[in-house]
Amino acid sequence: MGQGIVLFHRSWGLAIALVCVSPLAYAEVQDYVQAGIIKVVRGDVQVLRQGAAQKPAQASGAQAASPPSTSPPVIVHVGDRLFSGDRVVTGDGAAVGITLRDDTLVSLGPKSTFVLEQYNFNESSGEGNVAVRVVKGTLRYVTGLIGKHAPERQQVMTPTATIGIRGTDFIVDVASE
């Protein structure tokens, strides 16, 4: 009888610990929920996660990725996932096409650096917000559902200006210094 009580208490202790820790783990994973997917790659395109490079997660499987690591930059492939905070860099003669979860389309030309500063999208309500930074190079941006429902919830930042998006299709060209 005594062994049964000890086993019962251990089981409940583990269950209580899991319930207490689960919200913390869930909150951390939410920071790494997929924002988009790489649809087209031409040439040398790399991704750096949250300021630290990490191999892009493949499109198949779960939508959450592990937190950033300190691995070196890696080449992006079609089907790789993009996350809020990711920095995408294209090489000489390279280009990349990205589709975000709300169907926003982002294209980068050669020698471009783009940061997906913030991306949130609720698929059931259609609400969200997107903030991107063009560090250098050329970006073409075609708004998706967020832009159609709430254009004021989109922002494109450059080294010299922040643009509130009201249109649906535009190009930004930032010269390197």
C-alpha atoms as a PDB file:
ATOM      1  CA  MET A   1       0.000   0.000   0.000  1.00  0.00           C
ATOM      2  CA  GLY A   2       2.840   2.397   0.841  1.00  0.00           C
ATOM      3  CA  GLN A   3       4.453   1.908  -2.576  1.00  0.00           C
ATOM      4  CA  GLY A   4       1.191   2.771  -4.330  1.00  0.00           C
ATOM      5  CA  ILE A   5       0.961   6.078  -2.457  1.00  0.00           C
ATOM      6  CA  VAL A   6       4.571   6.999  -3.310  1.00  0.00           C
ATOM      7  CA  LEU A   7       3.991   6.156  -6.994  1.00  0.00           C
ATOM      8  CA  PHE A   8       0.745   8.162  -6.949  1.00  0.00           C
ATOM      9  CA  HIS A   9       2.519  11.202  -5.442  1.00  0.00           C
ATOM     10  CA  ARG A  10       5.368  10.996  -7.992  1.00  0.00           C
ATOM     11  CA  SER A  11       2.871  10.850 -10.859  1.00  0.00           C
ATOM     12  CA  TRP A  12       0.984  13.868  -9.548  1.00  0.00           C
ATOM     13  CA  GLY A  13       4.237  15.728  -8.939  1.00  0.00           C
ATOM     14  CA  LEU A  14       5.267  15.177 -12.551  1.00  0.00           C
ATOM     15  CA  ALA A  15       1.825  16.195 -13.819  1.00  0.00           C
ATOM     16  CA  ILE A  16       1.861  19.400 -11.750  1.00  0.00           C
ATOM     17  CA  ALA A  17       5.385  20.242 -12.939  1.00  0.00           C
ATOM     18  CA  LEU A  18       4.346  19.766 -16.580  1.00  0.00           C
ATOM     19  CA  VAL A  19       1.262  21.955 -16.148  1.00  0.00           C
ATOM     20  CA  CYS A  20       3.349  24.716 -14.558  1.00  0.00           C
ATOM     21  CA  VAL A  21       6.112  24.630 -17.189  1.00  0.00           C
ATOM     22  CA  SER A  22       3.902  24.152 -20.283  1.00  0.00           C
ATOM     23  CA  PRO A  23       2.783  27.804 -20.591  1.00  0.00           C
ATOM     24  CA  LEU A  24       6.421  28.938 -20.484  1.00  0.00           C
ATOM     25  CA  ALA A  25       7.427  26.469 -23.178  1.00  0.00           C
ATOM     26  CA  TYR A  26       4.404  27.432 -25.290  1.00  0.00           C
ATOM     27  CA  ALA A  27       5.242  31.142 -25.005  1.00  0.00           C
ATOM     28  CA  GLU A  28       8.815  30.516 -26.181  1.00  0.00           C
ATOM     29  CA  VAL A  29       7.681  28.388 -29.138  1.00  0.00           C
ATOM     30  CA  GLN A  30       5.222  31.093 -30.222  1.00  0.00           C
ATOM     31  CA  ASP A  31       8.180  33.371 -30.981  1.00  0.00           C
ATOM     32  CA  TYR A  32       9.283  30.854 -33.622  1.00  0.00           C
ATOM     33  CA  VAL A  33       6.010  30.147 -35.422  1.00  0.00           C
ATOM     34  CA  GLN A  34       6.373  30.105 -39.189  1.00  0.00           C
ATOM     35  CA  ALA A  35       5.763  33.460 -40.893  1.00  0.00           C
ATOM     36  CA  GLY A  36       6.325  32.359 -44.473  1.00  0.00           C
ATOM     37  CA  ILE A  37       7.992  30.024 -46.911  1.00  0.00           C
ATOM     38  CA  ILE A  38      10.721  30.382 -49.522  1.00  0.00           C
ATOM     39  CA  LYS A  39       9.104  29.844 -52.935  1.00  0.00           C
ATOM     40  CA  VAL A  40      11.859  30.814 -55.402  1.00  0.00           C
ATOM     41  CA  VAL A  41      15.648  30.888 -55.039  1.00  0.00           C
ATOM     42  CA  ARG A  42      18.186  31.943 -57.657  1.00  0.00           C
ATOM     43  CA  GLY A  43      21.859  32.083 -56.709  1.00  0.00           C
ATOM     44  CA  ASP A  44      23.353  32.542 -53.236  1.00  0.00           C
ATOM     45  CA  VAL A  45      20.638  33.365 -50.677  1.00  0.00           C
ATOM     46  CA  GLN A  46      21.271  33.021 -46.933  1.00  0.00           C
ATOM     47  CA  VAL A  47      19.182  33.366 -43.787  1.00  0.00           C
ATOM     48  CA  LEU A  48      20.242  34.488 -40.321  1.00  0.00           C
ATOM     49  CA  ARG A  49      17.813  33.916 -37.459  1.00  0.00           C
ATOM     50  CA  GLN A  50      17.333  36.599 -34.787  1.00  0.00           C
ATOM     51  CA  GLY A  51      20.813  37.959 -35.460  1.00  0.00           C
ATOM     52  CA  ALA A  52      22.381  34.483 -35.203  1.00  0.00           C
ATOM     53  CA  ALA A  53      22.492  32.239 -38.241  1.00  0.00           C
ATOM     54  CA  GLN A  54      20.670  28.939 -38.163  1.00  0.00           C
ATOM     55  CA  LYS A  55      19.827  26.355 -40.792  1.00  0.00           C
ATOM     56  CA  PRO A  56      16.305  27.116 -42.039  1.00  0.00           C
ATOM     57  CA  ALA A  57      13.642  24.668 -40.933  1.00  0.00           C
ATOM     58  CA  GLN A  58      12.119  22.618 -43.745  1.00  0.00           C
ATOM     59  CA  ALA A  59       8.490  23.180 -44.720  1.00  0.00           C
ATOM     60  CA  SER A  60       7.357  19.683 -43.782  1.00  0.00           C
ATOM     61  CA  GLY A  61       6.534  18.828 -40.199  1.00  0.00           C
ATOM     62  CA  ALA A  62       5.695  21.103 -37.280  1.00  0.00           C
ATOM     63  CA  GLN A  63       5.532  24.852 -37.787  1.00  0.00           C
ATOM     64  CA  ALA A  64       7.645  25.772 -34.768  1.00  0.00           C
ATOM     65  CA  ALA A  65      11.434  25.797 -34.728  1.00  0.00           C
ATOM     66  CA  SER A  66      13.960  25.723 -31.968  1.00  0.00           C
ATOM     67  CA  PRO A  67      15.377  29.023 -30.688  1.00  0.00           C
ATOM     68  CA  PRO A  68      18.325  30.586 -32.540  1.00  0.00           C
ATOM     69  CA  SER A  69      21.746  28.997 -32.335  1.00  0.00           C
ATOM     70  CA  THR A  70      25.202  30.262 -33.235  1.00  0.00           C
ATOM     71  CA  SER A  71      25.720  28.171 -36.372  1.00  0.00           C
ATOM     72  CA  PRO A  72      27.140  29.892 -39.484  1.00  0.00           C
ATOM     73  CA  PRO A  73      24.878  31.336 -42.218  1.00  0.00           C
ATOM     74  CA  VAL A  74      23.418  28.732 -44.544  1.00  0.00           C
ATOM     75  CA  ILE A  75      22.133  28.720 -48.086  1.00  0.00           C
ATOM     76  CA  VAL A  76      18.345  28.926 -48.411  1.00  0.00           C
ATOM     77  CA  HIS A  77      16.423  26.381 -50.495  1.00  0.00           C
ATOM     78  CA  VAL A  78      12.903  26.331 -51.921  1.00  0.00           C
ATOM     79  CA  GLY A  79      10.557  25.098 -49.181  1.00  0.00           C
ATOM     80  CA  ASP A  80      12.557  26.493 -46.249  1.00  0.00           C
ATOM     81  CA  ARG A  81      10.505  28.354 -43.658  1.00  0.00           C
ATOM     82  CA  LEU A  82      10.889  31.979 -42.628  1.00  0.00           C
ATOM     83  CA  PHE A  83      10.260  33.269 -39.100  1.00  0.00           C
ATOM     84  CA  SER A  84       9.711  36.654 -37.495  1.00  0.00           C
ATOM     85  CA  GLY A  85      13.140  38.172 -36.850  1.00  0.00           C
ATOM     86  CA  ASP A  86      14.845  36.433 -39.791  1.00  0.00           C
ATOM     87  CA  ARG A  87      17.373  38.308 -41.938  1.00  0.00           C
ATOM     88  CA  VAL A  88      17.554  37.270 -45.598  1.00  0.00           C
ATOM     89  CA  VAL A  89      20.661  38.190 -47.616  1.00  0.00           C
ATOM     90  CA  THR A  90      21.022  37.750 -51.381  1.00  0.00           C
ATOM     91  CA  GLY A  91      24.387  37.568 -53.129  1.00  0.00           C
ATOM     92  CA  ASP A  92      25.590  39.084 -56.388  1.00  0.00           C
ATOM     93  CA  GLY A  93      23.145  38.070 -59.148  1.00  0.00           C
ATOM     94  CA  ALA A  94      20.862  36.281 -56.656  1.00  0.00           C
ATOM     95  CA  ALA A  95      17.125  36.649 -56.006  1.00  0.00           C
ATOM     96  CA  VAL A  96      14.531  35.134 -53.690  1.00  0.00           C
ATOM     97  CA  GLY A  97      10.731  34.966 -53.594  1.00  0.00           C
ATOM     98  CA  ILE A  98       8.922  34.620 -50.261  1.00  0.00           C
ATOM     99  CA  THR A  99       5.225  34.035 -49.548  1.00  0.00           C
ATOM    100  CA  LEU A 100       4.041  34.998 -46.055  1.00  0.00           C
ATOM    101  CA  ARG A 101       1.146  33.188 -44.352  1.00  0.00           C
ATOM    102  CA  ASP A 102      -1.342  35.948 -45.241  1.00  0.00           C
ATOM    103  CA  ASP A 103      -0.325  35.619 -48.930  1.00  0.00           C
ATOM    104  CA  THR A 104       1.898  38.715 -48.892  1.00  0.00           C
ATOM    105  CA  LEU A 105       4.562  38.307 -51.590  1.00  0.00           C
ATOM    106  CA  VAL A 106       8.117  39.557 -51.048  1.00  0.00           C
ATOM    107  CA  SER A 107      10.804  39.462 -53.744  1.00  0.00           C
ATOM    108  CA  LEU A 108      14.426  40.490 -53.225  1.00  0.00           C
ATOM    109  CA  GLY A 109      16.909  41.294 -55.973  1.00  0.00           C
ATOM    110  CA  PRO A 110      20.694  40.918 -56.034  1.00  0.00           C
ATOM    111  CA  LYS A 111      22.856  42.208 -53.169  1.00  0.00           C
ATOM    112  CA  SER A 112      19.832  42.809 -50.923  1.00  0.00           C
ATOM    113  CA  THR A 113      19.366  42.504 -47.184  1.00  0.00           C
ATOM    114  CA  PHE A 114      15.854  42.203 -45.751  1.00  0.00           C
ATOM    115  CA  VAL A 115      14.712  41.686 -42.154  1.00  0.00           C
ATOM    116  CA  LEU A 116      11.261  40.402 -41.220  1.00  0.00           C
ATOM    117  CA  GLU A 117      11.175  42.522 -38.054  1.00  0.00           C
ATOM    118  CA  GLN A 118       7.714  41.497 -36.904  1.00  0.00           C
ATOM    119  CA  TYR A 119       5.031  39.204 -38.256  1.00  0.00           C
ATOM    120  CA  ASN A 120       1.808  38.112 -36.619  1.00  0.00           C
ATOM    121  CA  PHE A 121      -1.203  36.694 -38.431  1.00  0.00           C
ATOM    122  CA  ASN A 122      -4.358  35.085 -37.092  1.00  0.00           C
ATOM    123  CA  GLU A 123      -5.695  32.904 -39.886  1.00  0.00           C
ATOM    124  CA  SER A 124      -9.187  32.603 -38.402  1.00  0.00           C
ATOM    125  CA  SER A 125      -9.780  36.359 -37.949  1.00  0.00           C
ATOM    126  CA  GLY A 126      -7.542  37.590 -40.775  1.00  0.00           C
ATOM    127  CA  GLU A 127      -5.959  40.098 -38.386  1.00  0.00           C
ATOM    128  CA  GLY A 128      -2.264  40.679 -37.970  1.00  0.00           C
ATOM    129  CA  ASN A 129       0.630  43.035 -38.494  1.00  0.00           C
ATOM    130  CA  VAL A 130       3.832  43.022 -40.481  1.00  0.00           C
ATOM    131  CA  ALA A 131       6.960  45.153 -40.223  1.00  0.00           C
ATOM    132  CA  VAL A 132       9.891  44.665 -42.592  1.00  0.00           C
ATOM    133  CA  ARG A 133      13.238  46.417 -42.930  1.00  0.00           C
ATOM    134  CA  VAL A 134      15.097  46.828 -46.204  1.00  0.00           C
ATOM    135  CA  VAL A 135      18.738  47.348 -45.217  1.00  0.00           C
ATOM    136  CA  LYS A 136      19.996  47.507 -48.807  1.00  0.00           C
ATOM    137  CA  GLY A 137      19.056  46.381 -52.280  1.00  0.00           C
ATOM    138  CA  THR A 138      15.729  45.964 -54.037  1.00  0.00           C
ATOM    139  CA  LEU A 139      12.446  44.691 -52.616  1.00  0.00           C
ATOM    140  CA  ARG A 140       9.125  44.146 -54.360  1.00  0.00           C
ATOM    141  CA  TYR A 141       6.188  43.845 -51.989  1.00  0.00           C
ATOM    142  CA  VAL A 142       2.627  42.758 -52.839  1.00  0.00           C
ATOM    143  CA  THR A 143       0.248  42.985 -49.887  1.00  0.00           C
ATOM    144  CA  GLY A 144      -1.766  39.993 -48.737  1.00  0.00           C
ATOM    145  CA  LEU A 145      -4.718  39.683 -46.360  1.00  0.00           C
ATOM    146  CA  ILE A 146      -3.217  41.929 -43.661  1.00  0.00           C
ATOM    147  CA  GLY A 147      -2.840  44.750 -46.193  1.00  0.00           C
ATOM    148  CA  LYS A 148      -6.338  44.252 -47.537  1.00  0.00           C
ATOM    149  CA  HIS A 149      -8.019  44.228 -44.098  1.00  0.00           C
ATOM    150  CA  ALA A 150      -5.836  46.734 -42.227  1.00  0.00           C
ATOM    151  CA  PRO A 151      -3.295  48.588 -44.383  1.00  0.00           C
ATOM    152  CA  GLU A 152      -2.222  50.634 -41.362  1.00  0.00           C
ATOM    153  CA  ARG A 153      -0.887  47.413 -39.773  1.00  0.00           C
ATOM    154  CA  GLN A 154       1.930  47.156 -42.342  1.00  0.00           C
ATOM    155  CA  GLN A 155       5.239  48.963 -42.250  1.00  0.00           C
ATOM    156  CA  VAL A 156       8.332  48.989 -44.459  1.00  0.00           C
ATOM    157  CA  MET A 157      11.449  50.547 -42.946  1.00  0.00           C
ATOM    158  CA  THR A 158      14.539  51.749 -44.813  1.00  0.00           C
ATOM    159  CA  PRO A 159      17.717  53.403 -43.488  1.00  0.00           C
ATOM    160  CA  THR A 160      16.198  56.846 -44.141  1.00  0.00           C
ATOM    161  CA  ALA A 161      12.414  56.419 -43.876  1.00  0.00           C
ATOM    162  CA  THR A 162       9.532  54.343 -42.549  1.00  0.00           C
ATOM    163  CA  ILE A 163       6.707  53.757 -44.997  1.00  0.00           C
ATOM    164  CA  GLY A 164       3.125  53.052 -43.974  1.00  0.00           C
ATOM    165  CA  ILE A 165       1.711  50.886 -46.728  1.00  0.00           C
ATOM    166  CA  ARG A 166      -1.516  51.999 -48.392  1.00  0.00           C
ATOM    167  CA  GLY A 167      -0.958  50.494 -51.838  1.00  0.00           C
ATOM    168  CA  THR A 168      -0.973  46.862 -52.813  1.00  0.00           C
ATOM    169  CA  ASP A 169       2.126  46.473 -55.009  1.00  0.00           C
ATOM    170  CA  PHE A 170       5.317  48.535 -54.820  1.00  0.00           C
ATOM    171  CA  ILE A 171       9.098  48.422 -55.184  1.00  0.00           C
ATOM    172  CA  VAL A 172      11.706  49.811 -52.767  1.00  0.00           C
ATOM    173  CA  ASP A 173      15.324  50.353 -53.819  1.00  0.00           C
ATOM    174  CA  VAL A 174      17.865  51.155 -51.090  1.00  0.00           C
ATOM    175  CA  ALA A 175      21.329  52.074 -52.334  1.00  0.00           C
ATOM    176  CA  SER A 176      24.272  50.715 -50.367  1.00  0.00           C
ATOM    177  CA  GLU A 177      26.589  53.268 -48.811  1.00  0.00           C
END
